Amino acid sequence: MAKDLNYIIHKEIETLGMNTQYAQQLSILSWNGYPPKYDIRRWKIDEDGDLTPAKGIALNADEMQKLKEALNAIDDFEAYIHED
């Protein structure tokens, strides 16, 4: 039996991408009563516009800082993807 996941969205920081079925968002969320974390996640958009969480990743403040530093070190994101 699958465990129910409870979450609280404390802050929606940025919508990173969206189409008619999914939204990709950076938010601050608490899961199942645990302390808030940064959360990068796909959300399924239903016919009423409600969002249901899909796959994603939760990062604590230290992990988010390291991700920020890593992203800041990339000058050209498009070129970086195609480097060999």
N, C-alpha and C. Protein backbone atom coordinates (compact mmCIF):
# COMPACT_ATOMS: atom_id res chain seq x y z
N MET A 1 0.84 -1.18 0.00
CA MET A 1 0.00 0.00 0.00
C MET A 1 0.88 1.25 0.00
N ALA A 2 0.60 2.18 -0.89
CA ALA A 2 1.40 3.40 -1.02
C ALA A 2 1.08 4.37 0.12
N LYS A 3 2.10 4.99 0.62
CA LYS A 3 1.95 5.96 1.69
C LYS A 3 1.48 7.29 1.10
N ASP A 4 0.50 7.92 1.77
CA ASP A 4 0.06 9.23 1.33
C ASP A 4 1.14 10.26 1.61
N LEU A 5 1.40 11.10 0.65
CA LEU A 5 2.38 12.17 0.82
C LEU A 5 1.65 13.47 1.11
N ASN A 6 2.03 14.10 2.19
CA ASN A 6 1.47 15.39 2.54
C ASN A 6 2.55 16.44 2.33
N TYR A 7 2.17 17.55 1.74
CA TYR A 7 3.14 18.60 1.50
C TYR A 7 2.51 19.97 1.72
N ILE A 8 3.37 20.92 2.05
CA ILE A 8 2.97 22.32 2.18
C ILE A 8 3.89 23.12 1.28
N ILE A 9 3.32 23.90 0.38
CA ILE A 9 4.11 24.79 -0.46
C ILE A 9 4.27 26.10 0.30
N HIS A 10 5.49 26.37 0.74
CA HIS A 10 5.77 27.60 1.49
C HIS A 10 5.97 28.79 0.56
N LYS A 11 6.61 28.52 -0.58
CA LYS A 11 6.85 29.62 -1.53
C LYS A 11 7.10 29.03 -2.91
N GLU A 12 6.42 29.58 -3.91
CA GLU A 12 6.71 29.25 -5.30
C GLU A 12 7.72 30.28 -5.80
N ILE A 13 8.93 29.84 -6.08
CA ILE A 13 10.00 30.76 -6.46
C ILE A 13 9.96 31.08 -7.95
N GLU A 14 9.87 30.04 -8.79
CA GLU A 14 9.91 30.26 -10.24
C GLU A 14 9.32 29.08 -10.98
N THR A 15 8.55 29.36 -12.02
CA THR A 15 8.13 28.32 -12.95
C THR A 15 9.21 28.23 -14.02
N LEU A 16 9.85 27.08 -14.11
CA LEU A 16 10.98 26.88 -15.03
C LEU A 16 10.54 26.49 -16.43
N GLY A 17 9.37 25.90 -16.54
CA GLY A 17 8.83 25.51 -17.83
C GLY A 17 7.40 25.03 -17.64
N MET A 18 6.63 25.08 -18.74
CA MET A 18 5.24 24.69 -18.63
C MET A 18 4.71 24.30 -20.00
N ASN A 19 3.84 23.30 -20.01
CA ASN A 19 3.06 22.99 -21.20
C ASN A 19 1.64 22.70 -20.72
N THR A 20 0.82 22.12 -21.57
CA THR A 20 -0.58 21.91 -21.18
C THR A 20 -0.75 20.81 -20.14
N GLN A 21 0.23 19.93 -19.97
CA GLN A 21 0.09 18.82 -19.04
C GLN A 21 0.95 18.93 -17.79
N TYR A 22 2.08 19.63 -17.88
CA TYR A 22 3.02 19.68 -16.75
C TYR A 22 3.58 21.08 -16.56
N ALA A 23 3.92 21.39 -15.31
CA ALA A 23 4.68 22.59 -14.97
C ALA A 23 5.92 22.13 -14.22
N GLN A 24 7.05 22.74 -14.52
CA GLN A 24 8.31 22.47 -13.82
C GLN A 24 8.56 23.68 -12.94
N GLN A 25 8.65 23.47 -11.61
CA GLN A 25 8.75 24.60 -10.71
C GLN A 25 9.87 24.44 -9.68
N LEU A 26 10.42 25.59 -9.28
CA LEU A 26 11.32 25.69 -8.14
C LEU A 26 10.52 26.31 -7.01
N SER A 27 10.41 25.59 -5.91
CA SER A 27 9.60 26.03 -4.77
C SER A 27 10.31 25.70 -3.48
N ILE A 28 9.74 26.15 -2.39
CA ILE A 28 10.15 25.72 -1.06
C ILE A 28 8.97 24.93 -0.49
N LEU A 29 9.21 23.64 -0.20
CA LEU A 29 8.16 22.74 0.26
C LEU A 29 8.58 22.00 1.52
N SER A 30 7.58 21.61 2.30
CA SER A 30 7.75 20.67 3.40
C SER A 30 7.01 19.40 3.01
N TRP A 31 7.65 18.25 3.19
CA TRP A 31 7.04 16.96 2.90
C TRP A 31 6.83 16.20 4.20
N ASN A 32 5.61 15.74 4.43
CA ASN A 32 5.27 14.88 5.57
C ASN A 32 5.74 15.44 6.91
N GLY A 33 5.63 16.74 7.09
CA GLY A 33 5.97 17.37 8.36
C GLY A 33 7.44 17.65 8.58
N TYR A 34 8.29 17.32 7.61
CA TYR A 34 9.73 17.60 7.74
C TYR A 34 10.00 19.07 7.45
N PRO A 35 11.18 19.57 7.84
CA PRO A 35 11.51 20.97 7.59
C PRO A 35 11.49 21.30 6.09
N PRO A 36 11.22 22.56 5.75
CA PRO A 36 11.17 22.97 4.34
C PRO A 36 12.51 22.76 3.63
N LYS A 37 12.41 22.44 2.34
CA LYS A 37 13.58 22.29 1.47
C LYS A 37 13.27 22.96 0.14
N TYR A 38 14.34 23.29 -0.57
CA TYR A 38 14.18 23.73 -1.96
C TYR A 38 13.73 22.52 -2.76
N ASP A 39 12.82 22.72 -3.69
CA ASP A 39 12.22 21.61 -4.41
C ASP A 39 12.12 21.96 -5.89
N ILE A 40 12.72 21.13 -6.73
CA ILE A 40 12.60 21.27 -8.19
C ILE A 40 11.78 20.07 -8.64
N ARG A 41 10.60 20.32 -9.20
CA ARG A 41 9.67 19.23 -9.42
C ARG A 41 8.76 19.51 -10.62
N ARG A 42 8.37 18.41 -11.29
CA ARG A 42 7.30 18.47 -12.28
C ARG A 42 5.98 18.31 -11.55
N TRP A 43 5.00 19.09 -11.96
CA TRP A 43 3.66 19.02 -11.40
C TRP A 43 2.69 18.74 -12.54
N LYS A 44 1.89 17.70 -12.40
CA LYS A 44 0.89 17.38 -13.41
C LYS A 44 -0.28 18.35 -13.26
N ILE A 45 -0.70 18.92 -14.36
CA ILE A 45 -1.82 19.87 -14.38
C ILE A 45 -3.08 19.12 -14.79
N ASP A 46 -4.08 19.09 -13.92
CA ASP A 46 -5.32 18.39 -14.29
C ASP A 46 -6.25 19.35 -15.03
N GLU A 47 -7.41 18.84 -15.43
CA GLU A 47 -8.34 19.63 -16.24
C GLU A 47 -8.88 20.85 -15.52
N ASP A 48 -8.83 20.86 -14.18
CA ASP A 48 -9.28 22.01 -13.40
C ASP A 48 -8.15 23.00 -13.11
N GLY A 49 -6.93 22.68 -13.57
CA GLY A 49 -5.78 23.53 -13.31
C GLY A 49 -5.07 23.22 -12.01
N ASP A 50 -5.55 22.21 -11.27
CA ASP A 50 -4.89 21.81 -10.03
C ASP A 50 -3.59 21.06 -10.34
N LEU A 51 -2.63 21.17 -9.44
CA LEU A 51 -1.33 20.54 -9.62
C LEU A 51 -1.17 19.33 -8.71
N THR A 52 -0.63 18.24 -9.26
CA THR A 52 -0.31 17.04 -8.51
C THR A 52 1.19 16.79 -8.65
N PRO A 53 1.90 16.57 -7.52
CA PRO A 53 3.35 16.41 -7.63
C PRO A 53 3.74 15.16 -8.41
N ALA A 54 4.77 15.30 -9.25
CA ALA A 54 5.36 14.19 -9.99
C ALA A 54 6.81 14.07 -9.53
N LYS A 55 7.68 13.57 -10.39
CA LYS A 55 9.08 13.38 -10.01
C LYS A 55 9.78 14.71 -9.78
N GLY A 56 10.70 14.69 -8.83
CA GLY A 56 11.44 15.89 -8.53
C GLY A 56 12.59 15.60 -7.58
N ILE A 57 13.20 16.68 -7.12
CA ILE A 57 14.34 16.57 -6.20
C ILE A 57 14.19 17.66 -5.14
N ALA A 58 14.51 17.29 -3.90
CA ALA A 58 14.48 18.23 -2.79
C ALA A 58 15.91 18.46 -2.31
N LEU A 59 16.27 19.71 -2.09
CA LEU A 59 17.63 20.08 -1.69
C LEU A 59 17.60 20.90 -0.42
N ASN A 60 18.53 20.62 0.51
CA ASN A 60 18.65 21.48 1.68
C ASN A 60 19.44 22.73 1.27
N ALA A 61 19.62 23.64 2.21
CA ALA A 61 20.26 24.92 1.89
C ALA A 61 21.70 24.74 1.40
N ASP A 62 22.47 23.84 2.01
CA ASP A 62 23.85 23.59 1.57
C ASP A 62 23.90 23.03 0.16
N GLU A 63 23.02 22.08 -0.14
CA GLU A 63 22.97 21.48 -1.47
C GLU A 63 22.55 22.53 -2.51
N MET A 64 21.60 23.39 -2.14
CA MET A 64 21.15 24.44 -3.06
C MET A 64 22.29 25.43 -3.32
N GLN A 65 23.07 25.76 -2.30
CA GLN A 65 24.21 26.66 -2.47
C GLN A 65 25.23 26.06 -3.43
N LYS A 66 25.52 24.77 -3.30
CA LYS A 66 26.46 24.11 -4.20
C LYS A 66 25.93 24.08 -5.63
N LEU A 67 24.63 23.84 -5.79
CA LEU A 67 24.02 23.87 -7.11
C LEU A 67 24.13 25.27 -7.71
N LYS A 68 23.85 26.27 -6.93
CA LYS A 68 23.95 27.67 -7.39
C LYS A 68 25.38 27.97 -7.85
N GLU A 69 26.37 27.57 -7.07
CA GLU A 69 27.77 27.80 -7.44
C GLU A 69 28.13 27.07 -8.72
N ALA A 70 27.66 25.85 -8.86
CA ALA A 70 27.93 25.08 -10.08
C ALA A 70 27.30 25.74 -11.30
N LEU A 71 26.06 26.21 -11.16
CA LEU A 71 25.39 26.88 -12.28
C LEU A 71 26.05 28.20 -12.63
N ASN A 72 26.50 28.93 -11.62
CA ASN A 72 27.19 30.21 -11.87
C ASN A 72 28.51 30.00 -12.60
N ALA A 73 29.11 28.83 -12.48
CA ALA A 73 30.39 28.54 -13.15
C ALA A 73 30.22 28.24 -14.64
N ILE A 74 29.00 28.05 -15.08
CA ILE A 74 28.74 27.76 -16.49
C ILE A 74 28.44 29.07 -17.21
N ASP A 75 29.26 29.40 -18.21
CA ASP A 75 29.07 30.65 -18.94
C ASP A 75 28.00 30.55 -20.03
N ASP A 76 28.00 29.45 -20.76
CA ASP A 76 27.09 29.28 -21.89
C ASP A 76 26.41 27.92 -21.76
N PHE A 77 25.20 27.92 -21.27
CA PHE A 77 24.50 26.66 -21.00
C PHE A 77 24.32 25.81 -22.25
N GLU A 78 23.98 26.42 -23.35
CA GLU A 78 23.77 25.67 -24.60
C GLU A 78 25.07 25.02 -25.07
N ALA A 79 26.16 25.74 -25.03
CA ALA A 79 27.46 25.17 -25.46
C ALA A 79 27.91 24.08 -24.48
N TYR A 80 27.64 24.27 -23.19
CA TYR A 80 28.06 23.31 -22.17
C TYR A 80 27.42 21.93 -22.41
N ILE A 81 26.18 21.92 -22.83
CA ILE A 81 25.47 20.66 -23.09
C ILE A 81 26.15 19.90 -24.24
N HIS A 82 26.65 20.62 -25.23
CA HIS A 82 27.18 20.00 -26.45
C HIS A 82 28.68 19.78 -26.42
N GLU A 83 29.33 20.07 -25.26
CA GLU A 83 30.77 19.82 -25.16
C GLU A 83 31.05 18.33 -25.17
N ASP A 84 32.14 17.95 -25.77
CA ASP A 84 32.56 16.53 -25.75
C ASP A 84 33.89 16.38 -25.07
